[in-house]
Structure formats: structure tokens, C-alpha cells
Protein backbone atom coordinates (compact mmCIF):
# COMPACT_ATOMS: atom_id res chain seq x y z
CA UNK A 1 106.39 119.54 121.22
CA UNK A 2 103.63 122.00 120.39
CA UNK A 3 101.16 120.30 122.71
CA UNK A 4 103.74 120.01 125.49
CA UNK A 5 104.58 123.72 125.22
CA UNK A 6 100.89 124.65 125.34
CA UNK A 7 100.37 122.33 128.33
CA UNK A 8 103.28 123.90 130.24
CA UNK A 9 102.16 127.43 129.30
CA UNK A 10 98.74 126.54 130.74
CA UNK A 11 100.35 125.59 134.06
CA UNK A 12 99.95 121.86 133.31
CA UNK A 13 96.17 122.13 133.37
CA UNK A 14 93.78 120.85 130.68
CA UNK A 15 93.24 123.09 127.68
CA UNK A 16 91.28 122.92 124.46
CA UNK A 17 92.61 123.05 120.95
CA UNK A 18 90.91 122.82 117.58
CA UNK A 19 91.62 120.69 114.57
CA UNK A 20 92.26 123.91 112.65
CA UNK A 21 95.00 125.02 115.06
CA UNK A 22 96.72 121.64 114.84
CA UNK A 23 96.49 121.56 111.04
CA UNK A 24 98.01 125.04 110.84
CA UNK A 25 100.84 124.05 113.16
CA UNK A 26 101.84 120.91 111.26
CA UNK A 27 101.31 122.58 107.89
CA UNK A 28 98.49 120.65 106.27
CA UNK A 29 95.52 122.08 104.39
CA UNK A 30 93.10 123.96 106.60
CA UNK A 31 90.48 124.64 103.94
CA UNK A 32 88.82 121.24 104.27
CA UNK A 33 87.78 118.92 107.08
CA UNK A 34 89.05 115.85 105.22
CA UNK A 35 92.46 116.30 106.85
CA UNK A 36 90.88 115.95 110.30
CA UNK A 37 91.42 112.19 109.94
CA UNK A 38 95.18 112.85 109.84
CA UNK A 39 94.95 114.83 113.09
CA UNK A 40 92.78 112.12 114.68
CA UNK A 41 95.30 109.44 113.74
CA UNK A 42 98.20 111.46 115.15
CA UNK A 43 96.31 112.07 118.40
CA UNK A 44 95.37 108.39 118.73
CA UNK A 45 98.98 107.37 118.15
CA UNK A 46 100.25 109.80 120.79
CA UNK A 47 97.61 108.50 123.23
CA UNK A 48 98.53 104.88 122.50
CA UNK A 49 102.18 105.72 123.16
CA UNK A 50 101.17 107.24 126.51
CA UNK A 51 102.35 110.75 125.63
CA UNK A 52 98.98 112.50 125.84
CA UNK A 53 95.57 112.10 127.41
CA UNK A 54 92.64 113.83 125.75
CA UNK A 55 88.93 113.73 125.09
CA UNK A 56 86.68 115.27 122.46
CA UNK A 57 83.90 117.77 123.05
CA UNK A 58 81.16 118.57 120.54
CA UNK A 59 80.29 122.28 120.32
CA UNK A 60 76.88 123.78 119.63
CA UNK A 61 78.03 124.51 116.07
CA UNK A 62 78.59 120.76 115.55
CA UNK A 63 82.34 121.20 115.59
CA UNK A 64 84.67 119.05 117.64
CA UNK A 65 87.24 120.49 120.02
CA UNK A 66 90.02 118.47 121.55
CA UNK A 67 90.52 118.83 125.28
CA UNK A 68 94.11 117.99 126.16
CA UNK A 69 94.08 116.63 129.71
CA UNK A 70 97.75 115.76 130.10
CA UNK A 71 100.95 115.84 128.05
CA UNK A 72 104.19 114.05 128.83
CA UNK A 73 107.58 114.15 127.16
CA UNK A 74 108.59 110.75 128.52
CA UNK A 75 107.37 107.38 127.26
CA UNK A 76 105.82 105.34 130.09
CA UNK A 77 107.69 102.22 131.16
């Protein structure tokens, strides 16, 4: 729901989000990067289900941002 709302607020255009923002939203520890695996697994599951399309971008600070390309609220047939 969070990603869909962000996608709609961004006029259904791609946007970037960080692991930190997603961890804060779902309420898991933000003080360590070890929970990034949880976020990665959630994102992969949503992609496998056909609900989101995304890709990862490495920043100059060696951090990874998630670019959300498309979000859907309907499972594909």
C-alpha cells in the first residue's frame, strides 16, 4: 500500500526509495543493514507476484537505492 500510494503521488512515474525508508515504514530496526535482506526478500516477492517492477541503483557512497518503476494493486492473470 505504501509503495502504491507513493507511486500514485508521483503521478505513476518511477521514483526512488531507500532501504531505510522502507524499514521505517514497516517498523523494523533501522540501526543496522542486516535487515536489508528482509526488505530485499519482500521486494522480490512483490516482483514475483507481478505487483511491482523495480531495479537497484548503486550510489557514490556505496549505498543501494531502489527505483520503483511500476506498482499495481491487481495481481496479473
